[in-house]
Amino acid sequence: MTTCFWRFREQLEAVGDETDITIEVTTPGGDADCARRICVDIRIAREHCDKSFWFAGRSTVYSAGASIMAAFPRERRFLSCNCVLKIHERKMKKEMKFDSAIARVRTGSAPADRANRDRFGA
């Protein structure tokens, strides 16, 4: 796990009894796995702590930073007036070949599929 994640955990644990926690993020991106792990910790902390968690994006919130932002409810996300977001859109078009029970269901050769087709008239 990256140093970024462990620094985040140490800071989160050191907060103490403060009522609100604001996580301020400025990042050119980074390790997606680290961002996902931070998101998990934020969600767990939000569910089990009597604290309000807020997100503040400053200057640039690219890629992994946008993933971290997603860990907060919309009403608790704020960006500075000139903040720039970079959000990746993943689109895939891929043909898949199934050589298992799924393939038989998709092609109509499985007994359950034939029975449903007869039953529902498909």
PDB file of N, CA and C in Angstrom:
ATOM      1  N   MET A   1       0.855  -1.171   0.000  1.00  0.00           N
ATOM      2  CA  MET A   1       0.000   0.000   0.000  1.00  0.00           C
ATOM      3  C   MET A   1       0.899   1.231   0.000  1.00  0.00           C
ATOM      4  N   THR A   2       0.460   2.253  -0.657  1.00  0.00           N
ATOM      5  CA  THR A   2       1.309   3.431  -0.825  1.00  0.00           C
ATOM      6  C   THR A   2       1.409   4.256   0.453  1.00  0.00           C
ATOM      7  N   THR A   3       2.426   5.071   0.499  1.00  0.00           N
ATOM      8  CA  THR A   3       2.647   5.955   1.635  1.00  0.00           C
ATOM      9  C   THR A   3       1.483   6.916   1.817  1.00  0.00           C
ATOM     10  N   CYS A   4       0.894   7.353   0.716  1.00  0.00           N
ATOM     11  CA  CYS A   4      -0.240   8.280   0.765  1.00  0.00           C
ATOM     12  C   CYS A   4      -1.361   7.712   1.629  1.00  0.00           C
ATOM     13  N   PHE A   5      -1.674   6.445   1.436  1.00  0.00           N
ATOM     14  CA  PHE A   5      -2.752   5.822   2.202  1.00  0.00           C
ATOM     15  C   PHE A   5      -2.422   5.788   3.684  1.00  0.00           C
ATOM     16  N   TRP A   6      -1.201   5.380   4.029  1.00  0.00           N
ATOM     17  CA  TRP A   6      -0.848   5.270   5.438  1.00  0.00           C
ATOM     18  C   TRP A   6      -0.815   6.633   6.109  1.00  0.00           C
ATOM     19  N   ARG A   7      -0.371   7.661   5.404  1.00  0.00           N
ATOM     20  CA  ARG A   7      -0.419   9.023   5.964  1.00  0.00           C
ATOM     21  C   ARG A   7      -1.858   9.434   6.222  1.00  0.00           C
ATOM     22  N   PHE A   8      -2.748   9.105   5.291  1.00  0.00           N
ATOM     23  CA  PHE A   8      -4.165   9.417   5.467  1.00  0.00           C
ATOM     24  C   PHE A   8      -4.706   8.722   6.715  1.00  0.00           C
ATOM     25  N   ARG A   9      -4.407   7.426   6.876  1.00  0.00           N
ATOM     26  CA  ARG A   9      -4.901   6.674   8.041  1.00  0.00           C
ATOM     27  C   ARG A   9      -4.392   7.285   9.343  1.00  0.00           C
ATOM     28  N   GLU A  10      -3.112   7.635   9.384  1.00  0.00           N
ATOM     29  CA  GLU A  10      -2.537   8.231  10.596  1.00  0.00           C
ATOM     30  C   GLU A  10      -3.233   9.545  10.938  1.00  0.00           C
ATOM     31  N   GLN A  11      -3.483  10.366   9.933  1.00  0.00           N
ATOM     32  CA  GLN A  11      -4.141  11.650  10.165  1.00  0.00           C
ATOM     33  C   GLN A  11      -5.582  11.455  10.616  1.00  0.00           C
ATOM     34  N   LEU A  12      -6.274  10.496  10.021  1.00  0.00           N
ATOM     35  CA  LEU A  12      -7.663  10.222  10.396  1.00  0.00           C
ATOM     36  C   LEU A  12      -7.751   9.749  11.846  1.00  0.00           C
ATOM     37  N   GLU A  13      -6.826   8.893  12.255  1.00  0.00           N
ATOM     38  CA  GLU A  13      -6.820   8.388  13.622  1.00  0.00           C
ATOM     39  C   GLU A  13      -6.411   9.455  14.633  1.00  0.00           C
ATOM     40  N   ALA A  14      -5.632  10.453  14.199  1.00  0.00           N
ATOM     41  CA  ALA A  14      -5.145  11.489  15.108  1.00  0.00           C
ATOM     42  C   ALA A  14      -6.150  12.620  15.340  1.00  0.00           C
ATOM     43  N   VAL A  15      -7.264  12.611  14.668  1.00  0.00           N
ATOM     44  CA  VAL A  15      -8.229  13.709  14.758  1.00  0.00           C
ATOM     45  C   VAL A  15      -8.761  13.880  16.167  1.00  0.00           C
ATOM     46  N   GLY A  16      -9.012  12.816  16.873  1.00  0.00           N
ATOM     47  CA  GLY A  16      -9.523  12.927  18.232  1.00  0.00           C
ATOM     48  C   GLY A  16     -11.019  13.182  18.254  1.00  0.00           C
ATOM     49  N   ASP A  17     -11.451  14.037  19.176  1.00  0.00           N
ATOM     50  CA  ASP A  17     -12.883  14.244  19.400  1.00  0.00           C
ATOM     51  C   ASP A  17     -13.470  15.441  18.649  1.00  0.00           C
ATOM     52  N   GLU A  18     -12.795  15.941  17.642  1.00  0.00           N
ATOM     53  CA  GLU A  18     -13.353  17.055  16.877  1.00  0.00           C
ATOM     54  C   GLU A  18     -14.679  16.635  16.265  1.00  0.00           C
ATOM     55  N   THR A  19     -15.595  17.575  16.141  1.00  0.00           N
ATOM     56  CA  THR A  19     -16.919  17.213  15.640  1.00  0.00           C
ATOM     57  C   THR A  19     -16.961  17.052  14.130  1.00  0.00           C
ATOM     58  N   ASP A  20     -16.261  17.879  13.394  1.00  0.00           N
ATOM     59  CA  ASP A  20     -16.270  17.797  11.934  1.00  0.00           C
ATOM     60  C   ASP A  20     -14.880  17.470  11.415  1.00  0.00           C
ATOM     61  N   ILE A  21     -14.859  16.731  10.315  1.00  0.00           N
ATOM     62  CA  ILE A  21     -13.600  16.427   9.645  1.00  0.00           C
ATOM     63  C   ILE A  21     -13.734  16.891   8.202  1.00  0.00           C
ATOM     64  N   THR A  22     -12.837  17.761   7.784  1.00  0.00           N
ATOM     65  CA  THR A  22     -12.796  18.209   6.402  1.00  0.00           C
ATOM     66  C   THR A  22     -11.547  17.641   5.759  1.00  0.00           C
ATOM     67  N   ILE A  23     -11.758  16.923   4.687  1.00  0.00           N
ATOM     68  CA  ILE A  23     -10.626  16.369   3.941  1.00  0.00           C
ATOM     69  C   ILE A  23     -10.434  17.251   2.723  1.00  0.00           C
ATOM     70  N   GLU A  24      -9.315  17.955   2.708  1.00  0.00           N
ATOM     71  CA  GLU A  24      -8.999  18.881   1.624  1.00  0.00           C
ATOM     72  C   GLU A  24      -8.064  18.177   0.657  1.00  0.00           C
ATOM     73  N   VAL A  25      -8.434  18.203  -0.620  1.00  0.00           N
ATOM     74  CA  VAL A  25      -7.672  17.469  -1.631  1.00  0.00           C
ATOM     75  C   VAL A  25      -7.243  18.387  -2.763  1.00  0.00           C
ATOM     76  N   THR A  26      -5.959  18.351  -3.056  1.00  0.00           N
ATOM     77  CA  THR A  26      -5.382  18.935  -4.266  1.00  0.00           C
ATOM     78  C   THR A  26      -4.455  17.854  -4.802  1.00  0.00           C
ATOM     79  N   THR A  27      -4.754  17.359  -6.000  1.00  0.00           N
ATOM     80  CA  THR A  27      -3.932  16.270  -6.512  1.00  0.00           C
ATOM     81  C   THR A  27      -3.908  16.239  -8.033  1.00  0.00           C
ATOM     82  N   PRO A  28      -2.766  15.918  -8.615  1.00  0.00           N
ATOM     83  CA  PRO A  28      -2.693  15.719 -10.066  1.00  0.00           C
ATOM     84  C   PRO A  28      -3.104  14.294 -10.455  1.00  0.00           C
ATOM     85  N   GLY A  29      -3.668  13.560  -9.516  1.00  0.00           N
ATOM     86  CA  GLY A  29      -4.065  12.171  -9.771  1.00  0.00           C
ATOM     87  C   GLY A  29      -3.290  11.268  -8.850  1.00  0.00           C
ATOM     88  N   GLY A  30      -3.141  10.045  -9.254  1.00  0.00           N
ATOM     89  CA  GLY A  30      -2.371   9.136  -8.412  1.00  0.00           C
ATOM     90  C   GLY A  30      -2.832   7.708  -8.547  1.00  0.00           C
ATOM     91  N   ASP A  31      -2.495   6.942  -7.563  1.00  0.00           N
ATOM     92  CA  ASP A  31      -2.750   5.516  -7.535  1.00  0.00           C
ATOM     93  C   ASP A  31      -4.247   5.252  -7.311  1.00  0.00           C
ATOM     94  N   ALA A  32      -4.897   4.647  -8.282  1.00  0.00           N
ATOM     95  CA  ALA A  32      -6.334   4.377  -8.194  1.00  0.00           C
ATOM     96  C   ALA A  32      -6.654   3.429  -7.052  1.00  0.00           C
ATOM     97  N   ASP A  33      -5.810   2.439  -6.814  1.00  0.00           N
ATOM     98  CA  ASP A  33      -6.045   1.504  -5.714  1.00  0.00           C
ATOM     99  C   ASP A  33      -5.959   2.206  -4.363  1.00  0.00           C
ATOM    100  N   CYS A  34      -5.024   3.110  -4.231  1.00  0.00           N
ATOM    101  CA  CYS A  34      -4.896   3.897  -3.005  1.00  0.00           C
ATOM    102  C   CYS A  34      -6.156   4.741  -2.798  1.00  0.00           C
ATOM    103  N   ALA A  35      -6.633   5.369  -3.856  1.00  0.00           N
ATOM    104  CA  ALA A  35      -7.848   6.202  -3.756  1.00  0.00           C
ATOM    105  C   ALA A  35      -9.042   5.360  -3.334  1.00  0.00           C
ATOM    106  N   ARG A  36      -9.182   4.172  -3.916  1.00  0.00           N
ATOM    107  CA  ARG A  36     -10.300   3.302  -3.529  1.00  0.00           C
ATOM    108  C   ARG A  36     -10.203   2.889  -2.073  1.00  0.00           C
ATOM    109  N   ARG A  37      -8.994   2.623  -1.600  1.00  0.00           N
ATOM    110  CA  ARG A  37      -8.804   2.236  -0.197  1.00  0.00           C
ATOM    111  C   ARG A  37      -9.141   3.400   0.728  1.00  0.00           C
ATOM    112  N   ILE A  38      -8.753   4.605   0.342  1.00  0.00           N
ATOM    113  CA  ILE A  38      -9.105   5.793   1.130  1.00  0.00           C
ATOM    114  C   ILE A  38     -10.622   5.949   1.172  1.00  0.00           C
ATOM    115  N   CYS A  39     -11.288   5.716   0.044  1.00  0.00           N
ATOM    116  CA  CYS A  39     -12.753   5.797  -0.003  1.00  0.00           C
ATOM    117  C   CYS A  39     -13.393   4.823   0.965  1.00  0.00           C
ATOM    118  N   VAL A  40     -12.877   3.607   1.026  1.00  0.00           N
ATOM    119  CA  VAL A  40     -13.413   2.603   1.949  1.00  0.00           C
ATOM    120  C   VAL A  40     -13.261   3.088   3.387  1.00  0.00           C
ATOM    121  N   ASP A  41     -12.086   3.620   3.732  1.00  0.00           N
ATOM    122  CA  ASP A  41     -11.870   4.108   5.092  1.00  0.00           C
ATOM    123  C   ASP A  41     -12.780   5.285   5.421  1.00  0.00           C
ATOM    124  N   ILE A  42     -13.005   6.171   4.457  1.00  0.00           N
ATOM    125  CA  ILE A  42     -13.899   7.306   4.688  1.00  0.00           C
ATOM    126  C   ILE A  42     -15.316   6.805   4.935  1.00  0.00           C
ATOM    127  N   ARG A  43     -15.775   5.876   4.120  1.00  0.00           N
ATOM    128  CA  ARG A  43     -17.134   5.343   4.305  1.00  0.00           C
ATOM    129  C   ARG A  43     -17.285   4.649   5.658  1.00  0.00           C
ATOM    130  N   ILE A  44     -16.295   3.857   6.042  1.00  0.00           N
ATOM    131  CA  ILE A  44     -16.357   3.174   7.337  1.00  0.00           C
ATOM    132  C   ILE A  44     -16.372   4.200   8.469  1.00  0.00           C
ATOM    133  N   ALA A  45     -15.509   5.197   8.391  1.00  0.00           N
ATOM    134  CA  ALA A  45     -15.457   6.233   9.430  1.00  0.00           C
ATOM    135  C   ALA A  45     -16.780   6.998   9.500  1.00  0.00           C
ATOM    136  N   ARG A  46     -17.369   7.316   8.341  1.00  0.00           N
ATOM    137  CA  ARG A  46     -18.658   8.028   8.330  1.00  0.00           C
ATOM    138  C   ARG A  46     -19.751   7.205   8.993  1.00  0.00           C
ATOM    139  N   GLU A  47     -19.721   5.897   8.784  1.00  0.00           N
ATOM    140  CA  GLU A  47     -20.757   5.020   9.340  1.00  0.00           C
ATOM    141  C   GLU A  47     -20.584   4.787  10.841  1.00  0.00           C
ATOM    142  N   HIS A  48     -19.358   4.839  11.357  1.00  0.00           N
ATOM    143  CA  HIS A  48     -19.108   4.438  12.734  1.00  0.00           C
ATOM    144  C   HIS A  48     -18.653   5.564  13.656  1.00  0.00           C
ATOM    145  N   CYS A  49     -18.509   6.762  13.168  1.00  0.00           N
ATOM    146  CA  CYS A  49     -18.078   7.880  14.007  1.00  0.00           C
ATOM    147  C   CYS A  49     -19.206   8.895  14.134  1.00  0.00           C
ATOM    148  N   ASP A  50     -19.223   9.576  15.253  1.00  0.00           N
ATOM    149  CA  ASP A  50     -20.195  10.663  15.429  1.00  0.00           C
ATOM    150  C   ASP A  50     -19.593  11.972  14.957  1.00  0.00           C
ATOM    151  N   LYS A  51     -19.117  11.974  13.737  1.00  0.00           N
ATOM    152  CA  LYS A  51     -18.481  13.158  13.167  1.00  0.00           C
ATOM    153  C   LYS A  51     -19.086  13.432  11.794  1.00  0.00           C
ATOM    154  N   SER A  52     -19.067  14.671  11.393  1.00  0.00           N
ATOM    155  CA  SER A  52     -19.476  15.037  10.037  1.00  0.00           C
ATOM    156  C   SER A  52     -18.229  15.098   9.166  1.00  0.00           C
ATOM    157  N   PHE A  53     -18.301  14.454   8.014  1.00  0.00           N
ATOM    158  CA  PHE A  53     -17.175  14.435   7.085  1.00  0.00           C
ATOM    159  C   PHE A  53     -17.497  15.316   5.887  1.00  0.00           C
ATOM    160  N   TRP A  54     -16.562  16.176   5.528  1.00  0.00           N
ATOM    161  CA  TRP A  54     -16.733  17.119   4.419  1.00  0.00           C
ATOM    162  C   TRP A  54     -15.572  16.964   3.456  1.00  0.00           C
ATOM    163  N   PHE A  55     -15.823  17.231   2.174  1.00  0.00           N
ATOM    164  CA  PHE A  55     -14.783  17.203   1.151  1.00  0.00           C
ATOM    165  C   PHE A  55     -14.581  18.616   0.622  1.00  0.00           C
ATOM    166  N   ALA A  56     -13.326  19.050   0.553  1.00  0.00           N
ATOM    167  CA  ALA A  56     -12.990  20.344  -0.037  1.00  0.00           C
ATOM    168  C   ALA A  56     -11.931  20.116  -1.114  1.00  0.00           C
ATOM    169  N   GLY A  57     -12.308  20.351  -2.374  1.00  0.00           N
ATOM    170  CA  GLY A  57     -11.368  20.226  -3.479  1.00  0.00           C
ATOM    171  C   GLY A  57     -10.763  21.583  -3.786  1.00  0.00           C
ATOM    172  N   ARG A  58      -9.442  21.636  -3.895  1.00  0.00           N
ATOM    173  CA  ARG A  58      -8.733  22.896  -4.152  1.00  0.00           C
ATOM    174  C   ARG A  58      -7.899  22.777  -5.413  1.00  0.00           C
ATOM    175  N   SER A  59      -7.898  23.788  -6.215  1.00  0.00           N
ATOM    176  CA  SER A  59      -7.056  23.912  -7.424  1.00  0.00           C
ATOM    177  C   SER A  59      -7.292  22.802  -8.438  1.00  0.00           C
ATOM    178  N   THR A  60      -6.701  21.630  -8.216  1.00  0.00           N
ATOM    179  CA  THR A  60      -6.873  20.508  -9.149  1.00  0.00           C
ATOM    180  C   THR A  60      -7.257  19.256  -8.369  1.00  0.00           C
ATOM    181  N   VAL A  61      -8.292  18.606  -8.839  1.00  0.00           N
ATOM    182  CA  VAL A  61      -8.727  17.332  -8.268  1.00  0.00           C
ATOM    183  C   VAL A  61      -8.854  16.387  -9.459  1.00  0.00           C
ATOM    184  N   TYR A  62      -7.754  15.746  -9.769  1.00  0.00           N
ATOM    185  CA  TYR A  62      -7.705  14.884 -10.945  1.00  0.00           C
ATOM    186  C   TYR A  62      -7.827  13.422 -10.543  1.00  0.00           C
ATOM    187  N   SER A  63      -8.446  12.662 -11.398  1.00  0.00           N
ATOM    188  CA  SER A  63      -8.444  11.212 -11.384  1.00  0.00           C
ATOM    189  C   SER A  63      -8.702  10.596 -10.012  1.00  0.00           C
ATOM    190  N   ALA A  64      -7.669  10.174  -9.303  1.00  0.00           N
ATOM    191  CA  ALA A  64      -7.820   9.529  -7.999  1.00  0.00           C
ATOM    192  C   ALA A  64      -8.495  10.467  -7.004  1.00  0.00           C
ATOM    193  N   GLY A  65      -8.243  11.760  -7.127  1.00  0.00           N
ATOM    194  CA  GLY A  65      -8.894  12.739  -6.250  1.00  0.00           C
ATOM    195  C   GLY A  65     -10.393  12.777  -6.468  1.00  0.00           C
ATOM    196  N   ALA A  66     -10.820  12.637  -7.720  1.00  0.00           N
ATOM    197  CA  ALA A  66     -12.257  12.594  -8.020  1.00  0.00           C
ATOM    198  C   ALA A  66     -12.878  11.325  -7.447  1.00  0.00           C
ATOM    199  N   SER A  67     -12.128  10.243  -7.428  1.00  0.00           N
ATOM    200  CA  SER A  67     -12.618   9.012  -6.801  1.00  0.00           C
ATOM    201  C   SER A  67     -12.819   9.215  -5.306  1.00  0.00           C
ATOM    202  N   ILE A  68     -11.891   9.892  -4.662  1.00  0.00           N
ATOM    203  CA  ILE A  68     -12.018  10.187  -3.229  1.00  0.00           C
ATOM    204  C   ILE A  68     -13.234  11.079  -2.989  1.00  0.00           C
ATOM    205  N   MET A  69     -13.436  12.047  -3.847  1.00  0.00           N
ATOM    206  CA  MET A  69     -14.590  12.939  -3.721  1.00  0.00           C
ATOM    207  C   MET A  69     -15.897  12.143  -3.741  1.00  0.00           C
ATOM    208  N   ALA A  70     -15.929  11.062  -4.509  1.00  0.00           N
ATOM    209  CA  ALA A  70     -17.131  10.241  -4.623  1.00  0.00           C
ATOM    210  C   ALA A  70     -17.495   9.536  -3.323  1.00  0.00           C
ATOM    211  N   ALA A  71     -16.592   9.478  -2.361  1.00  0.00           N
ATOM    212  CA  ALA A  71     -16.871   8.832  -1.080  1.00  0.00           C
ATOM    213  C   ALA A  71     -17.749   9.693  -0.174  1.00  0.00           C
ATOM    214  N   PHE A  72     -18.003  10.927  -0.589  1.00  0.00           N
ATOM    215  CA  PHE A  72     -18.787  11.856   0.227  1.00  0.00           C
ATOM    216  C   PHE A  72     -20.149  12.093  -0.421  1.00  0.00           C
ATOM    217  N   PRO A  73     -21.189  12.281   0.376  1.00  0.00           N
ATOM    218  CA  PRO A  73     -22.492  12.627  -0.213  1.00  0.00           C
ATOM    219  C   PRO A  73     -22.404  13.983  -0.919  1.00  0.00           C
ATOM    220  N   ARG A  74     -23.208  14.183  -1.931  1.00  0.00           N
ATOM    221  CA  ARG A  74     -23.161  15.438  -2.711  1.00  0.00           C
ATOM    222  C   ARG A  74     -23.225  16.682  -1.848  1.00  0.00           C
ATOM    223  N   GLU A  75     -24.094  16.656  -0.849  1.00  0.00           N
ATOM    224  CA  GLU A  75     -24.276  17.856  -0.023  1.00  0.00           C
ATOM    225  C   GLU A  75     -23.075  18.152   0.865  1.00  0.00           C
ATOM    226  N   ARG A  76     -22.084  17.269   0.878  1.00  0.00           N
ATOM    227  CA  ARG A  76     -20.880  17.490   1.695  1.00  0.00           C
ATOM    228  C   ARG A  76     -19.620  17.633   0.843  1.00  0.00           C
ATOM    229  N   ARG A  77     -19.792  17.888  -0.453  1.00  0.00           N
ATOM    230  CA  ARG A  77     -18.658  18.088  -1.367  1.00  0.00           C
ATOM    231  C   ARG A  77     -18.609  19.559  -1.776  1.00  0.00           C
ATOM    232  N   PHE A  78     -17.439  20.164  -1.668  1.00  0.00           N
ATOM    233  CA  PHE A  78     -17.257  21.546  -2.080  1.00  0.00           C
ATOM    234  C   PHE A  78     -15.963  21.678  -2.860  1.00  0.00           C
ATOM    235  N   LEU A  79     -15.978  22.562  -3.862  1.00  0.00           N
ATOM    236  CA  LEU A  79     -14.797  22.831  -4.674  1.00  0.00           C
ATOM    237  C   LEU A  79     -14.511  24.324  -4.631  1.00  0.00           C
ATOM    238  N   SER A  80     -13.238  24.690  -4.648  1.00  0.00           N
ATOM    239  CA  SER A  80     -12.895  26.106  -4.718  1.00  0.00           C
ATOM    240  C   SER A  80     -13.358  26.643  -6.072  1.00  0.00           C
ATOM    241  N   CYS A  81     -13.517  27.953  -6.183  1.00  0.00           N
ATOM    242  CA  CYS A  81     -14.150  28.540  -7.371  1.00  0.00           C
ATOM    243  C   CYS A  81     -13.399  28.246  -8.671  1.00  0.00           C
ATOM    244  N   ASN A  82     -12.102  28.080  -8.636  1.00  0.00           N
ATOM    245  CA  ASN A  82     -11.347  27.793  -9.864  1.00  0.00           C
ATOM    246  C   ASN A  82     -10.828  26.356  -9.926  1.00  0.00           C
ATOM    247  N   CYS A  83     -11.407  25.489  -9.147  1.00  0.00           N
ATOM    248  CA  CYS A  83     -10.954  24.096  -9.110  1.00  0.00           C
ATOM    249  C   CYS A  83     -11.261  23.395 -10.439  1.00  0.00           C
ATOM    250  N   VAL A  84     -10.338  22.556 -10.874  1.00  0.00           N
ATOM    251  CA  VAL A  84     -10.506  21.793 -12.112  1.00  0.00           C
ATOM    252  C   VAL A  84     -10.587  20.313 -11.751  1.00  0.00           C
ATOM    253  N   LEU A  85     -11.639  19.668 -12.240  1.00  0.00           N
ATOM    254  CA  LEU A  85     -11.810  18.231 -12.032  1.00  0.00           C
ATOM    255  C   LEU A  85     -11.380  17.473 -13.276  1.00  0.00           C
ATOM    256  N   LYS A  86     -10.821  16.308 -13.086  1.00  0.00           N
ATOM    257  CA  LYS A  86     -10.540  15.407 -14.203  1.00  0.00           C
ATOM    258  C   LYS A  86     -11.159  14.065 -13.838  1.00  0.00           C
ATOM    259  N   ILE A  87     -12.224  13.736 -14.557  1.00  0.00           N
ATOM    260  CA  ILE A  87     -12.947  12.502 -14.293  1.00  0.00           C
ATOM    261  C   ILE A  87     -12.839  11.632 -15.531  1.00  0.00           C
ATOM    262  N   HIS A  88     -12.362  10.424 -15.349  1.00  0.00           N
ATOM    263  CA  HIS A  88     -12.216   9.499 -16.468  1.00  0.00           C
ATOM    264  C   HIS A  88     -13.536   8.819 -16.765  1.00  0.00           C
ATOM    265  N   GLU A  89     -13.811   8.655 -18.022  1.00  0.00           N
ATOM    266  CA  GLU A  89     -14.969   7.884 -18.448  1.00  0.00           C
ATOM    267  C   GLU A  89     -14.439   6.647 -19.132  1.00  0.00           C
ATOM    268  N   ARG A  90     -14.845   5.538 -18.637  1.00  0.00           N
ATOM    269  CA  ARG A  90     -14.378   4.281 -19.210  1.00  0.00           C
ATOM    270  C   ARG A  90     -15.483   3.669 -20.060  1.00  0.00           C
ATOM    271  N   LYS A  91     -15.214   3.503 -21.322  1.00  0.00           N
ATOM    272  CA  LYS A  91     -16.146   2.840 -22.220  1.00  0.00           C
ATOM    273  C   LYS A  91     -15.419   1.674 -22.851  1.00  0.00           C
ATOM    274  N   MET A  92     -16.087   0.541 -22.868  1.00  0.00           N
ATOM    275  CA  MET A  92     -15.489  -0.640 -23.470  1.00  0.00           C
ATOM    276  C   MET A  92     -16.490  -1.291 -24.400  1.00  0.00           C
ATOM    277  N   LYS A  93     -16.007  -1.709 -25.512  1.00  0.00           N
ATOM    278  CA  LYS A  93     -16.813  -2.525 -26.392  1.00  0.00           C
ATOM    279  C   LYS A  93     -15.984  -3.766 -26.635  1.00  0.00           C
ATOM    280  N   LYS A  94     -16.518  -4.871 -26.158  1.00  0.00           N
ATOM    281  CA  LYS A  94     -15.730  -6.083 -26.191  1.00  0.00           C
ATOM    282  C   LYS A  94     -16.661  -7.256 -26.450  1.00  0.00           C
ATOM    283  N   GLU A  95     -16.251  -8.132 -27.327  1.00  0.00           N
ATOM    284  CA  GLU A  95     -17.018  -9.339 -27.558  1.00  0.00           C
ATOM    285  C   GLU A  95     -16.472 -10.425 -26.641  1.00  0.00           C
ATOM    286  N   MET A  96     -17.390 -11.118 -25.971  1.00  0.00           N
ATOM    287  CA  MET A  96     -16.973 -12.150 -25.039  1.00  0.00           C
ATOM    288  C   MET A  96     -17.514 -13.490 -25.493  1.00  0.00           C
ATOM    289  N   LYS A  97     -16.699 -14.505 -25.331  1.00  0.00           N
ATOM    290  CA  LYS A  97     -17.111 -15.858 -25.681  1.00  0.00           C
ATOM    291  C   LYS A  97     -17.185 -16.663 -24.393  1.00  0.00           C
ATOM    292  N   PHE A  98     -18.357 -17.245 -24.132  1.00  0.00           N
ATOM    293  CA  PHE A  98     -18.562 -18.050 -22.940  1.00  0.00           C
ATOM    294  C   PHE A  98     -18.579 -19.519 -23.322  1.00  0.00           C
ATOM    295  N   ASP A  99     -17.793 -20.311 -22.625  1.00  0.00           N
ATOM    296  CA  ASP A  99     -17.761 -21.753 -22.859  1.00  0.00           C
ATOM    297  C   ASP A  99     -18.258 -22.489 -21.618  1.00  0.00           C
ATOM    298  N   SER A 100     -19.332 -21.992 -21.031  1.00  0.00           N
ATOM    299  CA  SER A 100     -19.833 -22.597 -19.798  1.00  0.00           C
ATOM    300  C   SER A 100     -21.359 -22.601 -19.844  1.00  0.00           C
ATOM    301  N   ALA A 101     -21.970 -22.769 -18.685  1.00  0.00           N
ATOM    302  CA  ALA A 101     -23.437 -22.764 -18.594  1.00  0.00           C
ATOM    303  C   ALA A 101     -24.005 -21.444 -19.095  1.00  0.00           C
ATOM    304  N   ILE A 102     -23.286 -20.354 -18.887  1.00  0.00           N
ATOM    305  CA  ILE A 102     -23.761 -19.048 -19.367  1.00  0.00           C
ATOM    306  C   ILE A 102     -23.906 -19.078 -20.881  1.00  0.00           C
ATOM    307  N   ALA A 103     -22.969 -19.711 -21.560  1.00  0.00           N
ATOM    308  CA  ALA A 103     -23.034 -19.786 -23.021  1.00  0.00           C
ATOM    309  C   ALA A 103     -24.266 -20.560 -23.457  1.00  0.00           C
ATOM    310  N   ARG A 104     -24.578 -21.620 -22.767  1.00  0.00           N
ATOM    311  CA  ARG A 104     -25.751 -22.414 -23.142  1.00  0.00           C
ATOM    312  C   ARG A 104     -27.038 -21.638 -22.904  1.00  0.00           C
ATOM    313  N   VAL A 105     -27.105 -20.849 -21.825  1.00  0.00           N
ATOM    314  CA  VAL A 105     -28.291 -20.044 -21.555  1.00  0.00           C
ATOM    315  C   VAL A 105     -28.444 -18.957 -22.612  1.00  0.00           C
ATOM    316  N   ARG A 106     -27.343 -18.297 -22.951  1.00  0.00           N
ATOM    317  CA  ARG A 106     -27.397 -17.196 -23.928  1.00  0.00           C
ATOM    318  C   ARG A 106     -27.791 -17.695 -25.315  1.00  0.00           C
ATOM    319  N   THR A 107     -27.413 -18.918 -25.663  1.00  0.00           N
ATOM    320  CA  THR A 107     -27.720 -19.421 -27.005  1.00  0.00           C
ATOM    321  C   THR A 107     -29.034 -20.178 -27.047  1.00  0.00           C
ATOM    322  N   GLY A 108     -29.652 -20.373 -25.876  1.00  0.00           N
ATOM    323  CA  GLY A 108     -30.935 -21.057 -25.845  1.00  0.00           C
ATOM    324  C   GLY A 108     -30.829 -22.554 -25.817  1.00  0.00           C
ATOM    325  N   SER A 109     -29.647 -23.103 -25.574  1.00  0.00           N
ATOM    326  CA  SER A 109     -29.496 -24.556 -25.571  1.00  0.00           C
ATOM    327  C   SER A 109     -29.639 -25.152 -24.174  1.00  0.00           C
ATOM    328  N   ALA A 110     -29.764 -24.304 -23.144  1.00  0.00           N
ATOM    329  CA  ALA A 110     -29.929 -24.812 -21.785  1.00  0.00           C
ATOM    330  C   ALA A 110     -31.389 -25.156 -21.544  1.00  0.00           C
ATOM    331  N   PRO A 111     -31.683 -26.245 -20.796  1.00  0.00           N
ATOM    332  CA  PRO A 111     -33.071 -26.642 -20.545  1.00  0.00           C
ATOM    333  C   PRO A 111     -33.905 -25.554 -19.886  1.00  0.00           C
ATOM    334  N   ALA A 112     -33.342 -24.832 -18.921  1.00  0.00           N
ATOM    335  CA  ALA A 112     -34.108 -23.782 -18.231  1.00  0.00           C
ATOM    336  C   ALA A 112     -34.510 -22.686 -19.199  1.00  0.00           C
ATOM    337  N   ASP A 113     -33.628 -22.339 -20.125  1.00  0.00           N
ATOM    338  CA  ASP A 113     -33.932 -21.292 -21.088  1.00  0.00           C
ATOM    339  C   ASP A 113     -35.070 -21.714 -22.013  1.00  0.00           C
ATOM    340  N   ARG A 114     -35.051 -22.942 -22.473  1.00  0.00           N
ATOM    341  CA  ARG A 114     -36.128 -23.435 -23.341  1.00  0.00           C
ATOM    342  C   ARG A 114     -37.451 -23.440 -22.593  1.00  0.00           C
ATOM    343  N   ALA A 115     -37.431 -23.854 -21.313  1.00  0.00           N
ATOM    344  CA  ALA A 115     -38.659 -23.892 -20.524  1.00  0.00           C
ATOM    345  C   ALA A 115     -39.223 -22.487 -20.332  1.00  0.00           C
ATOM    346  N   ASN A 116     -38.357 -21.507 -20.039  1.00  0.00           N
ATOM    347  CA  ASN A 116     -38.822 -20.124 -19.857  1.00  0.00           C
ATOM    348  C   ASN A 116     -39.364 -19.550 -21.163  1.00  0.00           C
ATOM    349  N   ARG A 117     -38.734 -19.865 -22.272  1.00  0.00           N
ATOM    350  CA  ARG A 117     -39.198 -19.369 -23.550  1.00  0.00           C
ATOM    351  C   ARG A 117     -40.599 -19.913 -23.844  1.00  0.00           C
ATOM    352  N   ASP A 118     -40.816 -21.204 -23.580  1.00  0.00           N
ATOM    353  CA  ASP A 118     -42.128 -21.799 -23.793  1.00  0.00           C
ATOM    354  C   ASP A 118     -43.164 -21.219 -22.842  1.00  0.00           C
ATOM    355  N   ARG A 119     -42.760 -21.019 -21.602  1.00  0.00           N
ATOM    356  CA  ARG A 119     -43.670 -20.523 -20.568  1.00  0.00           C
ATOM    357  C   ARG A 119     -44.093 -19.088 -20.806  1.00  0.00           C
ATOM    358  N   PHE A 120     -43.145 -18.220 -21.154  1.00  0.00           N
ATOM    359  CA  PHE A 120     -43.429 -16.792 -21.301  1.00  0.00           C
ATOM    360  C   PHE A 120     -43.601 -16.381 -22.768  1.00  0.00           C
ATOM    361  N   GLY A 121     -43.510 -17.315 -23.663  1.00  0.00           N
ATOM    362  CA  GLY A 121     -43.719 -17.007 -25.064  1.00  0.00           C
ATOM    363  C   GLY A 121     -42.627 -16.169 -25.694  1.00  0.00           C
ATOM    364  N   ALA A 122     -41.433 -16.239 -25.152  1.00  0.00           N
ATOM    365  CA  ALA A 122     -40.326 -15.423 -25.691  1.00  0.00           C
ATOM    366  C   ALA A 122     -39.731 -16.080 -26.902  1.00  0.00           C
TER     367      ALA A 122
END
